[in-house]
Amino acid sequence: MKLNINSINFEIAERLEKYIEKKTRRYERLLPSEEVIMELRLTVIKPETNLNKQTQIRILGNGPELFAEKTCDTFEQGIDLCLEALDKQLEKLKQR
């Protein structure tokens, strides 16, 4: 699985990058194919107010496209919520 991280309107910190890698590591076991791509798009929405961090995660490759989008106070919170949504989507696919 390939992991692509795009940051819009800010410079991504190494700490956040490591957090993303840690949280998405288990998807490498769930989606082991080299053709699978996980794209993360992290955006700081202007003007700077509460809930101005938008997180989008898209999984492309074998099977249908999976997508989750959340807007939160922190990127870590957005990543966690998006991954929970993706887990639910994967569970529905397995039940089919």
PDB file of N, CA and C in Angstrom:
ATOM      1  N   MET A   1       0.836  -1.172   0.000  1.00  0.00           N
ATOM      2  CA  MET A   1       0.000   0.000   0.000  1.00  0.00           C
ATOM      3  C   MET A   1       0.886   1.242   0.000  1.00  0.00           C
ATOM      4  N   LYS A   2       0.537   2.172  -0.856  1.00  0.00           N
ATOM      5  CA  LYS A   2       1.253   3.445  -0.903  1.00  0.00           C
ATOM      6  C   LYS A   2       0.481   4.467  -0.079  1.00  0.00           C
ATOM      7  N   LEU A   3       1.227   5.335   0.603  1.00  0.00           N
ATOM      8  CA  LEU A   3       0.630   6.385   1.417  1.00  0.00           C
ATOM      9  C   LEU A   3       1.077   7.728   0.871  1.00  0.00           C
ATOM     10  N   ASN A   4       0.103   8.544   0.424  1.00  0.00           N
ATOM     11  CA  ASN A   4       0.385   9.889  -0.073  1.00  0.00           C
ATOM     12  C   ASN A   4      -0.244  10.894   0.873  1.00  0.00           C
ATOM     13  N   ILE A   5       0.576  11.852   1.360  1.00  0.00           N
ATOM     14  CA  ILE A   5       0.081  12.878   2.282  1.00  0.00           C
ATOM     15  C   ILE A   5       0.249  14.237   1.624  1.00  0.00           C
ATOM     16  N   ASN A   6      -0.857  14.973   1.504  1.00  0.00           N
ATOM     17  CA  ASN A   6      -0.828  16.324   0.949  1.00  0.00           C
ATOM     18  C   ASN A   6      -1.289  17.296   2.024  1.00  0.00           C
ATOM     19  N   SER A   7      -0.503  18.340   2.251  1.00  0.00           N
ATOM     20  CA  SER A   7      -0.899  19.378   3.211  1.00  0.00           C
ATOM     21  C   SER A   7      -1.164  20.668   2.441  1.00  0.00           C
ATOM     22  N   ILE A   8      -2.324  21.268   2.702  1.00  0.00           N
ATOM     23  CA  ILE A   8      -2.752  22.480   2.018  1.00  0.00           C
ATOM     24  C   ILE A   8      -2.783  23.624   3.034  1.00  0.00           C
ATOM     25  N   ASN A   9      -2.154  24.731   2.706  1.00  0.00           N
ATOM     26  CA  ASN A   9      -2.119  25.954   3.521  1.00  0.00           C
ATOM     27  C   ASN A   9      -1.299  25.826   4.801  1.00  0.00           C
ATOM     28  N   PHE A  10      -0.437  24.811   4.902  1.00  0.00           N
ATOM     29  CA  PHE A  10       0.469  24.705   6.053  1.00  0.00           C
ATOM     30  C   PHE A  10       1.579  23.704   5.734  1.00  0.00           C
ATOM     31  N   GLU A  11       2.633  23.774   6.522  1.00  0.00           N
ATOM     32  CA  GLU A  11       3.774  22.858   6.416  1.00  0.00           C
ATOM     33  C   GLU A  11       3.570  21.747   7.433  1.00  0.00           C
ATOM     34  N   ILE A  12       3.539  20.509   6.987  1.00  0.00           N
ATOM     35  CA  ILE A  12       3.267  19.389   7.885  1.00  0.00           C
ATOM     36  C   ILE A  12       4.460  19.142   8.802  1.00  0.00           C
ATOM     37  N   ALA A  13       4.178  18.959  10.092  1.00  0.00           N
ATOM     38  CA  ALA A  13       5.223  18.703  11.082  1.00  0.00           C
ATOM     39  C   ALA A  13       5.599  17.221  11.054  1.00  0.00           C
ATOM     40  N   GLU A  14       6.829  16.942  11.413  1.00  0.00           N
ATOM     41  CA  GLU A  14       7.310  15.558  11.428  1.00  0.00           C
ATOM     42  C   GLU A  14       6.508  14.720  12.424  1.00  0.00           C
ATOM     43  N   ARG A  15       6.116  15.331  13.540  1.00  0.00           N
ATOM     44  CA  ARG A  15       5.331  14.636  14.558  1.00  0.00           C
ATOM     45  C   ARG A  15       3.988  14.176  13.990  1.00  0.00           C
ATOM     46  N   LEU A  16       3.340  15.031  13.211  1.00  0.00           N
ATOM     47  CA  LEU A  16       2.060  14.677  12.594  1.00  0.00           C
ATOM     48  C   LEU A  16       2.246  13.588  11.541  1.00  0.00           C
ATOM     49  N   GLU A  17       3.331  13.670  10.801  1.00  0.00           N
ATOM     50  CA  GLU A  17       3.617  12.653   9.787  1.00  0.00           C
ATOM     51  C   GLU A  17       3.816  11.277  10.431  1.00  0.00           C
ATOM     52  N   LYS A  18       4.537  11.237  11.541  1.00  0.00           N
ATOM     53  CA  LYS A  18       4.744   9.972  12.248  1.00  0.00           C
ATOM     54  C   LYS A  18       3.432   9.439  12.821  1.00  0.00           C
ATOM     55  N   TYR A  19       2.586  10.346  13.298  1.00  0.00           N
ATOM     56  CA  TYR A  19       1.271   9.957  13.817  1.00  0.00           C
ATOM     57  C   TYR A  19       0.446   9.293  12.712  1.00  0.00           C
ATOM     58  N   ILE A  20       0.464   9.879  11.534  1.00  0.00           N
ATOM     59  CA  ILE A  20      -0.278   9.332  10.397  1.00  0.00           C
ATOM     60  C   ILE A  20       0.247   7.947  10.034  1.00  0.00           C
ATOM     61  N   GLU A  21       1.563   7.812   9.960  1.00  0.00           N
ATOM     62  CA  GLU A  21       2.162   6.520   9.614  1.00  0.00           C
ATOM     63  C   GLU A  21       1.807   5.449  10.637  1.00  0.00           C
ATOM     64  N   LYS A  22       1.807   5.827  11.920  1.00  0.00           N
ATOM     65  CA  LYS A  22       1.463   4.879  12.980  1.00  0.00           C
ATOM     66  C   LYS A  22       0.009   4.438  12.858  1.00  0.00           C
ATOM     67  N   LYS A  23      -0.896   5.381  12.645  1.00  0.00           N
ATOM     68  CA  LYS A  23      -2.322   5.076  12.582  1.00  0.00           C
ATOM     69  C   LYS A  23      -2.702   4.293  11.327  1.00  0.00           C
ATOM     70  N   THR A  24      -2.008   4.497  10.226  1.00  0.00           N
ATOM     71  CA  THR A  24      -2.369   3.831   8.971  1.00  0.00           C
ATOM     72  C   THR A  24      -1.605   2.519   8.756  1.00  0.00           C
ATOM     73  N   ARG A  25      -0.690   2.188   9.626  1.00  0.00           N
ATOM     74  CA  ARG A  25       0.132   0.987   9.463  1.00  0.00           C
ATOM     75  C   ARG A  25      -0.710  -0.280   9.381  1.00  0.00           C
ATOM     76  N   ARG A  26      -1.774  -0.357  10.164  1.00  0.00           N
ATOM     77  CA  ARG A  26      -2.591  -1.580  10.156  1.00  0.00           C
ATOM     78  C   ARG A  26      -3.320  -1.777   8.841  1.00  0.00           C
ATOM     79  N   TYR A  27      -3.523  -0.718   8.078  1.00  0.00           N
ATOM     80  CA  TYR A  27      -4.177  -0.846   6.776  1.00  0.00           C
ATOM     81  C   TYR A  27      -3.265  -1.545   5.767  1.00  0.00           C
ATOM     82  N   GLU A  28      -1.971  -1.545   6.023  1.00  0.00           N
ATOM     83  CA  GLU A  28      -1.045  -2.281   5.154  1.00  0.00           C
ATOM     84  C   GLU A  28      -1.312  -3.776   5.253  1.00  0.00           C
ATOM     85  N   ARG A  29      -1.728  -4.224   6.449  1.00  0.00           N
ATOM     86  CA  ARG A  29      -2.071  -5.651   6.614  1.00  0.00           C
ATOM     87  C   ARG A  29      -3.460  -5.944   6.039  1.00  0.00           C
ATOM     88  N   LEU A  30      -4.392  -5.007   6.217  1.00  0.00           N
ATOM     89  CA  LEU A  30      -5.752  -5.210   5.712  1.00  0.00           C
ATOM     90  C   LEU A  30      -5.818  -5.111   4.189  1.00  0.00           C
ATOM     91  N   LEU A  31      -4.999  -4.226   3.629  1.00  0.00           N
ATOM     92  CA  LEU A  31      -4.993  -3.979   2.183  1.00  0.00           C
ATOM     93  C   LEU A  31      -3.566  -4.160   1.667  1.00  0.00           C
ATOM     94  N   PRO A  32      -3.073  -5.404   1.579  1.00  0.00           N
ATOM     95  CA  PRO A  32      -1.662  -5.646   1.301  1.00  0.00           C
ATOM     96  C   PRO A  32      -1.215  -5.393  -0.134  1.00  0.00           C
ATOM     97  N   SER A  33      -2.109  -5.198  -1.047  1.00  0.00           N
ATOM     98  CA  SER A  33      -1.743  -5.059  -2.453  1.00  0.00           C
ATOM     99  C   SER A  33      -0.902  -3.804  -2.703  1.00  0.00           C
ATOM    100  N   GLU A  34       0.054  -3.938  -3.609  1.00  0.00           N
ATOM    101  CA  GLU A  34       0.888  -2.793  -4.005  1.00  0.00           C
ATOM    102  C   GLU A  34       0.099  -1.767  -4.807  1.00  0.00           C
ATOM    103  N   GLU A  35      -1.038  -2.194  -5.352  1.00  0.00           N
ATOM    104  CA  GLU A  35      -1.848  -1.308  -6.181  1.00  0.00           C
ATOM    105  C   GLU A  35      -2.741  -0.382  -5.357  1.00  0.00           C
ATOM    106  N   VAL A  36      -2.854  -0.631  -4.062  1.00  0.00           N
ATOM    107  CA  VAL A  36      -3.721   0.171  -3.196  1.00  0.00           C
ATOM    108  C   VAL A  36      -2.997   1.452  -2.793  1.00  0.00           C
ATOM    109  N   ILE A  37      -3.702   2.576  -2.930  1.00  0.00           N
ATOM    110  CA  ILE A  37      -3.140   3.883  -2.572  1.00  0.00           C
ATOM    111  C   ILE A  37      -4.048   4.525  -1.537  1.00  0.00           C
ATOM    112  N   MET A  38      -3.450   4.990  -0.447  1.00  0.00           N
ATOM    113  CA  MET A  38      -4.191   5.754   0.556  1.00  0.00           C
ATOM    114  C   MET A  38      -3.734   7.200   0.454  1.00  0.00           C
ATOM    115  N   GLU A  39      -4.659   8.087   0.118  1.00  0.00           N
ATOM    116  CA  GLU A  39      -4.348   9.503  -0.028  1.00  0.00           C
ATOM    117  C   GLU A  39      -4.944  10.266   1.147  1.00  0.00           C
ATOM    118  N   LEU A  40      -4.105  11.040   1.823  1.00  0.00           N
ATOM    119  CA  LEU A  40      -4.559  11.908   2.892  1.00  0.00           C
ATOM    120  C   LEU A  40      -4.397  13.348   2.434  1.00  0.00           C
ATOM    121  N   ARG A  41      -5.445  14.113   2.593  1.00  0.00           N
ATOM    122  CA  ARG A  41      -5.390  15.534   2.253  1.00  0.00           C
ATOM    123  C   ARG A  41      -5.747  16.314   3.507  1.00  0.00           C
ATOM    124  N   LEU A  42      -4.778  17.055   4.019  1.00  0.00           N
ATOM    125  CA  LEU A  42      -4.959  17.835   5.239  1.00  0.00           C
ATOM    126  C   LEU A  42      -4.982  19.308   4.855  1.00  0.00           C
ATOM    127  N   THR A  43      -6.065  20.002   5.227  1.00  0.00           N
ATOM    128  CA  THR A  43      -6.243  21.391   4.823  1.00  0.00           C
ATOM    129  C   THR A  43      -6.564  22.256   6.032  1.00  0.00           C
ATOM    130  N   VAL A  44      -5.880  23.403   6.128  1.00  0.00           N
ATOM    131  CA  VAL A  44      -6.240  24.416   7.114  1.00  0.00           C
ATOM    132  C   VAL A  44      -7.171  25.388   6.403  1.00  0.00           C
ATOM    133  N   ILE A  45      -8.400  25.459   6.902  1.00  0.00           N
ATOM    134  CA  ILE A  45      -9.406  26.318   6.291  1.00  0.00           C
ATOM    135  C   ILE A  45      -9.250  27.728   6.849  1.00  0.00           C
ATOM    136  N   LYS A  46      -9.243  28.698   5.979  1.00  0.00           N
ATOM    137  CA  LYS A  46      -9.117  30.091   6.392  1.00  0.00           C
ATOM    138  C   LYS A  46     -10.498  30.681   6.548  1.00  0.00           C
ATOM    139  N   PRO A  47     -10.790  31.593   7.429  1.00  0.00           N
ATOM    140  CA  PRO A  47      -9.946  32.161   8.471  1.00  0.00           C
ATOM    141  C   PRO A  47      -9.764  31.169   9.618  1.00  0.00           C
ATOM    142  N   GLU A  48      -8.731  31.407  10.384  1.00  0.00           N
ATOM    143  CA  GLU A  48      -8.418  30.494  11.469  1.00  0.00           C
ATOM    144  C   GLU A  48      -9.405  30.669  12.618  1.00  0.00           C
ATOM    145  N   THR A  49     -10.256  29.678  12.781  1.00  0.00           N
ATOM    146  CA  THR A  49     -11.232  29.622  13.856  1.00  0.00           C
ATOM    147  C   THR A  49     -11.241  28.207  14.388  1.00  0.00           C
ATOM    148  N   ASN A  50     -12.115  27.939  15.332  1.00  0.00           N
ATOM    149  CA  ASN A  50     -12.278  26.555  15.774  1.00  0.00           C
ATOM    150  C   ASN A  50     -12.801  25.724  14.601  1.00  0.00           C
ATOM    151  N   LEU A  51     -12.522  24.452  14.639  1.00  0.00           N
ATOM    152  CA  LEU A  51     -12.953  23.525  13.584  1.00  0.00           C
ATOM    153  C   LEU A  51     -12.487  23.985  12.201  1.00  0.00           C
ATOM    154  N   ASN A  52     -11.214  24.303  12.092  1.00  0.00           N
ATOM    155  CA  ASN A  52     -10.681  24.770  10.808  1.00  0.00           C
ATOM    156  C   ASN A  52      -9.687  23.790  10.185  1.00  0.00           C
ATOM    157  N   LYS A  53      -9.651  22.555  10.670  1.00  0.00           N
ATOM    158  CA  LYS A  53      -8.720  21.563  10.133  1.00  0.00           C
ATOM    159  C   LYS A  53      -9.527  20.454   9.462  1.00  0.00           C
ATOM    160  N   GLN A  54      -9.428  20.396   8.148  1.00  0.00           N
ATOM    161  CA  GLN A  54     -10.185  19.424   7.361  1.00  0.00           C
ATOM    162  C   GLN A  54      -9.282  18.259   6.974  1.00  0.00           C
ATOM    163  N   THR A  55      -9.772  17.058   7.220  1.00  0.00           N
ATOM    164  CA  THR A  55      -9.040  15.835   6.896  1.00  0.00           C
ATOM    165  C   THR A  55      -9.863  15.019   5.906  1.00  0.00           C
ATOM    166  N   GLN A  56      -9.238  14.632   4.797  1.00  0.00           N
ATOM    167  CA  GLN A  56      -9.873  13.763   3.813  1.00  0.00           C
ATOM    168  C   GLN A  56      -8.964  12.559   3.591  1.00  0.00           C
ATOM    169  N   ILE A  57      -9.553  11.376   3.631  1.00  0.00           N
ATOM    170  CA  ILE A  57      -8.795  10.149   3.353  1.00  0.00           C
ATOM    171  C   ILE A  57      -9.538   9.376   2.274  1.00  0.00           C
ATOM    172  N   ARG A  58      -8.790   9.000   1.242  1.00  0.00           N
ATOM    173  CA  ARG A  58      -9.346   8.249   0.117  1.00  0.00           C
ATOM    174  C   ARG A  58      -8.471   7.013  -0.087  1.00  0.00           C
ATOM    175  N   ILE A  59      -9.133   5.861  -0.242  1.00  0.00           N
ATOM    176  CA  ILE A  59      -8.417   4.619  -0.531  1.00  0.00           C
ATOM    177  C   ILE A  59      -8.829   4.182  -1.928  1.00  0.00           C
ATOM    178  N   LEU A  60      -7.831   4.068  -2.804  1.00  0.00           N
ATOM    179  CA  LEU A  60      -8.041   3.681  -4.201  1.00  0.00           C
ATOM    180  C   LEU A  60      -7.325   2.369  -4.470  1.00  0.00           C
ATOM    181  N   GLY A  61      -7.856   1.595  -5.381  1.00  0.00           N
ATOM    182  CA  GLY A  61      -7.160   0.362  -5.759  1.00  0.00           C
ATOM    183  C   GLY A  61      -8.128  -0.756  -5.996  1.00  0.00           C
ATOM    184  N   ASN A  62      -7.813  -1.911  -5.423  1.00  0.00           N
ATOM    185  CA  ASN A  62      -8.658  -3.102  -5.600  1.00  0.00           C
ATOM    186  C   ASN A  62     -10.034  -2.850  -4.997  1.00  0.00           C
ATOM    187  N   GLY A  63     -11.055  -2.986  -5.810  1.00  0.00           N
ATOM    188  CA  GLY A  63     -12.410  -2.813  -5.311  1.00  0.00           C
ATOM    189  C   GLY A  63     -12.878  -1.375  -5.367  1.00  0.00           C
ATOM    190  N   PRO A  64     -13.985  -1.102  -4.677  1.00  0.00           N
ATOM    191  CA  PRO A  64     -14.551   0.251  -4.719  1.00  0.00           C
ATOM    192  C   PRO A  64     -13.698   1.261  -3.958  1.00  0.00           C
ATOM    193  N   GLU A  65     -13.840   2.517  -4.331  1.00  0.00           N
ATOM    194  CA  GLU A  65     -13.122   3.605  -3.666  1.00  0.00           C
ATOM    195  C   GLU A  65     -13.774   3.866  -2.310  1.00  0.00           C
ATOM    196  N   LEU A  66     -12.938   4.040  -1.301  1.00  0.00           N
ATOM    197  CA  LEU A  66     -13.412   4.378   0.035  1.00  0.00           C
ATOM    198  C   LEU A  66     -13.009   5.819   0.328  1.00  0.00           C
ATOM    199  N   PHE A  67     -13.903   6.578   1.001  1.00  0.00           N
ATOM    200  CA  PHE A  67     -13.634   7.992   1.244  1.00  0.00           C
ATOM    201  C   PHE A  67     -14.257   8.414   2.565  1.00  0.00           C
ATOM    202  N   ALA A  68     -13.502   9.248   3.301  1.00  0.00           N
ATOM    203  CA  ALA A  68     -14.011   9.838   4.536  1.00  0.00           C
ATOM    204  C   ALA A  68     -13.474  11.260   4.640  1.00  0.00           C
ATOM    205  N   GLU A  69     -14.316  12.152   5.180  1.00  0.00           N
ATOM    206  CA  GLU A  69     -13.931  13.549   5.341  1.00  0.00           C
ATOM    207  C   GLU A  69     -14.486  14.058   6.664  1.00  0.00           C
ATOM    208  N   LYS A  70     -13.629  14.727   7.441  1.00  0.00           N
ATOM    209  CA  LYS A  70     -14.029  15.289   8.732  1.00  0.00           C
ATOM    210  C   LYS A  70     -13.358  16.644   8.913  1.00  0.00           C
ATOM    211  N   THR A  71     -14.047  17.536   9.627  1.00  0.00           N
ATOM    212  CA  THR A  71     -13.496  18.839   9.988  1.00  0.00           C
ATOM    213  C   THR A  71     -13.511  18.925  11.512  1.00  0.00           C
ATOM    214  N   CYS A  72     -12.327  19.168  12.103  1.00  0.00           N
ATOM    215  CA  CYS A  72     -12.171  19.125  13.559  1.00  0.00           C
ATOM    216  C   CYS A  72     -11.237  20.241  14.029  1.00  0.00           C
ATOM    217  N   ASP A  73     -10.999  20.257  15.350  1.00  0.00           N
ATOM    218  CA  ASP A  73     -10.057  21.212  15.942  1.00  0.00           C
ATOM    219  C   ASP A  73      -8.604  20.843  15.657  1.00  0.00           C
ATOM    220  N   THR A  74      -8.317  19.531  15.592  1.00  0.00           N
ATOM    221  CA  THR A  74      -6.953  19.068  15.350  1.00  0.00           C
ATOM    222  C   THR A  74      -6.947  18.034  14.229  1.00  0.00           C
ATOM    223  N   PHE A  75      -5.798  17.918  13.576  1.00  0.00           N
ATOM    224  CA  PHE A  75      -5.673  16.907  12.527  1.00  0.00           C
ATOM    225  C   PHE A  75      -5.698  15.505  13.114  1.00  0.00           C
ATOM    226  N   GLU A  76      -5.141  15.327  14.302  1.00  0.00           N
ATOM    227  CA  GLU A  76      -5.137  14.011  14.928  1.00  0.00           C
ATOM    228  C   GLU A  76      -6.563  13.518  15.145  1.00  0.00           C
ATOM    229  N   GLN A  77      -7.420  14.402  15.628  1.00  0.00           N
ATOM    230  CA  GLN A  77      -8.819  14.042  15.844  1.00  0.00           C
ATOM    231  C   GLN A  77      -9.508  13.719  14.510  1.00  0.00           C
ATOM    232  N   GLY A  78      -9.240  14.514  13.498  1.00  0.00           N
ATOM    233  CA  GLY A  78      -9.816  14.278  12.174  1.00  0.00           C
ATOM    234  C   GLY A  78      -9.366  12.956  11.582  1.00  0.00           C
ATOM    235  N   ILE A  79      -8.086  12.635  11.746  1.00  0.00           N
ATOM    236  CA  ILE A  79      -7.548  11.373  11.236  1.00  0.00           C
ATOM    237  C   ILE A  79      -8.229  10.196  11.925  1.00  0.00           C
ATOM    238  N   ASP A  80      -8.350  10.270  13.251  1.00  0.00           N
ATOM    239  CA  ASP A  80      -8.991   9.185  13.993  1.00  0.00           C
ATOM    240  C   ASP A  80     -10.433   8.974  13.534  1.00  0.00           C
ATOM    241  N   LEU A  81     -11.190  10.064  13.377  1.00  0.00           N
ATOM    242  CA  LEU A  81     -12.588   9.958  12.955  1.00  0.00           C
ATOM    243  C   LEU A  81     -12.714   9.427  11.524  1.00  0.00           C
ATOM    244  N   CYS A  82     -11.826   9.865  10.645  1.00  0.00           N
ATOM    245  CA  CYS A  82     -11.845   9.368   9.266  1.00  0.00           C
ATOM    246  C   CYS A  82     -11.525   7.881   9.211  1.00  0.00           C
ATOM    247  N   LEU A  83     -10.544   7.454   9.987  1.00  0.00           N
ATOM    248  CA  LEU A  83     -10.182   6.040   9.991  1.00  0.00           C
ATOM    249  C   LEU A  83     -11.308   5.187  10.565  1.00  0.00           C
ATOM    250  N   GLU A  84     -12.037   5.703  11.561  1.00  0.00           N
ATOM    251  CA  GLU A  84     -13.201   4.983  12.084  1.00  0.00           C
ATOM    252  C   GLU A  84     -14.255   4.816  10.988  1.00  0.00           C
ATOM    253  N   ALA A  85     -14.487   5.874  10.227  1.00  0.00           N
ATOM    254  CA  ALA A  85     -15.466   5.815   9.140  1.00  0.00           C
ATOM    255  C   ALA A  85     -15.024   4.814   8.073  1.00  0.00           C
ATOM    256  N   LEU A  86     -13.729   4.791   7.766  1.00  0.00           N
ATOM    257  CA  LEU A  86     -13.210   3.840   6.778  1.00  0.00           C
ATOM    258  C   LEU A  86     -13.331   2.406   7.287  1.00  0.00           C
ATOM    259  N   ASP A  87     -13.110   2.210   8.584  1.00  0.00           N
ATOM    260  CA  ASP A  87     -13.281   0.877   9.174  1.00  0.00           C
ATOM    261  C   ASP A  87     -14.707   0.375   8.964  1.00  0.00           C
ATOM    262  N   LYS A  88     -15.687   1.258   9.170  1.00  0.00           N
ATOM    263  CA  LYS A  88     -17.088   0.878   8.978  1.00  0.00           C
ATOM    264  C   LYS A  88     -17.355   0.527   7.518  1.00  0.00           C
ATOM    265  N   GLN A  89     -16.764   1.298   6.602  1.00  0.00           N
ATOM    266  CA  GLN A  89     -16.948   1.015   5.178  1.00  0.00           C
ATOM    267  C   GLN A  89     -16.328  -0.327   4.806  1.00  0.00           C
ATOM    268  N   LEU A  90     -15.128  -0.612   5.347  1.00  0.00           N
ATOM    269  CA  LEU A  90     -14.472  -1.898   5.076  1.00  0.00           C
ATOM    270  C   LEU A  90     -15.296  -3.050   5.639  1.00  0.00           C
ATOM    271  N   GLU A  91     -15.873  -2.857   6.809  1.00  0.00           N
ATOM    272  CA  GLU A  91     -16.698  -3.898   7.424  1.00  0.00           C
ATOM    273  C   GLU A  91     -17.923  -4.199   6.561  1.00  0.00           C
ATOM    274  N   LYS A  92     -18.556  -3.160   6.022  1.00  0.00           N
ATOM    275  CA  LYS A  92     -19.709  -3.347   5.135  1.00  0.00           C
ATOM    276  C   LYS A  92     -19.313  -4.105   3.873  1.00  0.00           C
ATOM    277  N   LEU A  93     -18.115  -3.804   3.338  1.00  0.00           N
ATOM    278  CA  LEU A  93     -17.655  -4.509   2.141  1.00  0.00           C
ATOM    279  C   LEU A  93     -17.417  -5.997   2.432  1.00  0.00           C
ATOM    280  N   LYS A  94     -16.893  -6.302   3.605  1.00  0.00           N
ATOM    281  CA  LYS A  94     -16.634  -7.693   3.957  1.00  0.00           C
ATOM    282  C   LYS A  94     -17.928  -8.478   4.123  1.00  0.00           C
ATOM    283  N   GLN A  95     -18.990  -7.807   4.577  1.00  0.00           N
ATOM    284  CA  GLN A  95     -20.263  -8.479   4.792  1.00  0.00           C
ATOM    285  C   GLN A  95     -20.977  -8.804   3.480  1.00  0.00           C
ATOM    286  N   ARG A  96     -20.629  -8.149   2.414  1.00  0.00           N
ATOM    287  CA  ARG A  96     -21.286  -8.387   1.114  1.00  0.00           C
ATOM    288  C   ARG A  96     -20.870  -9.707   0.526  1.00  0.00           C
TER     289      ARG A  96
END
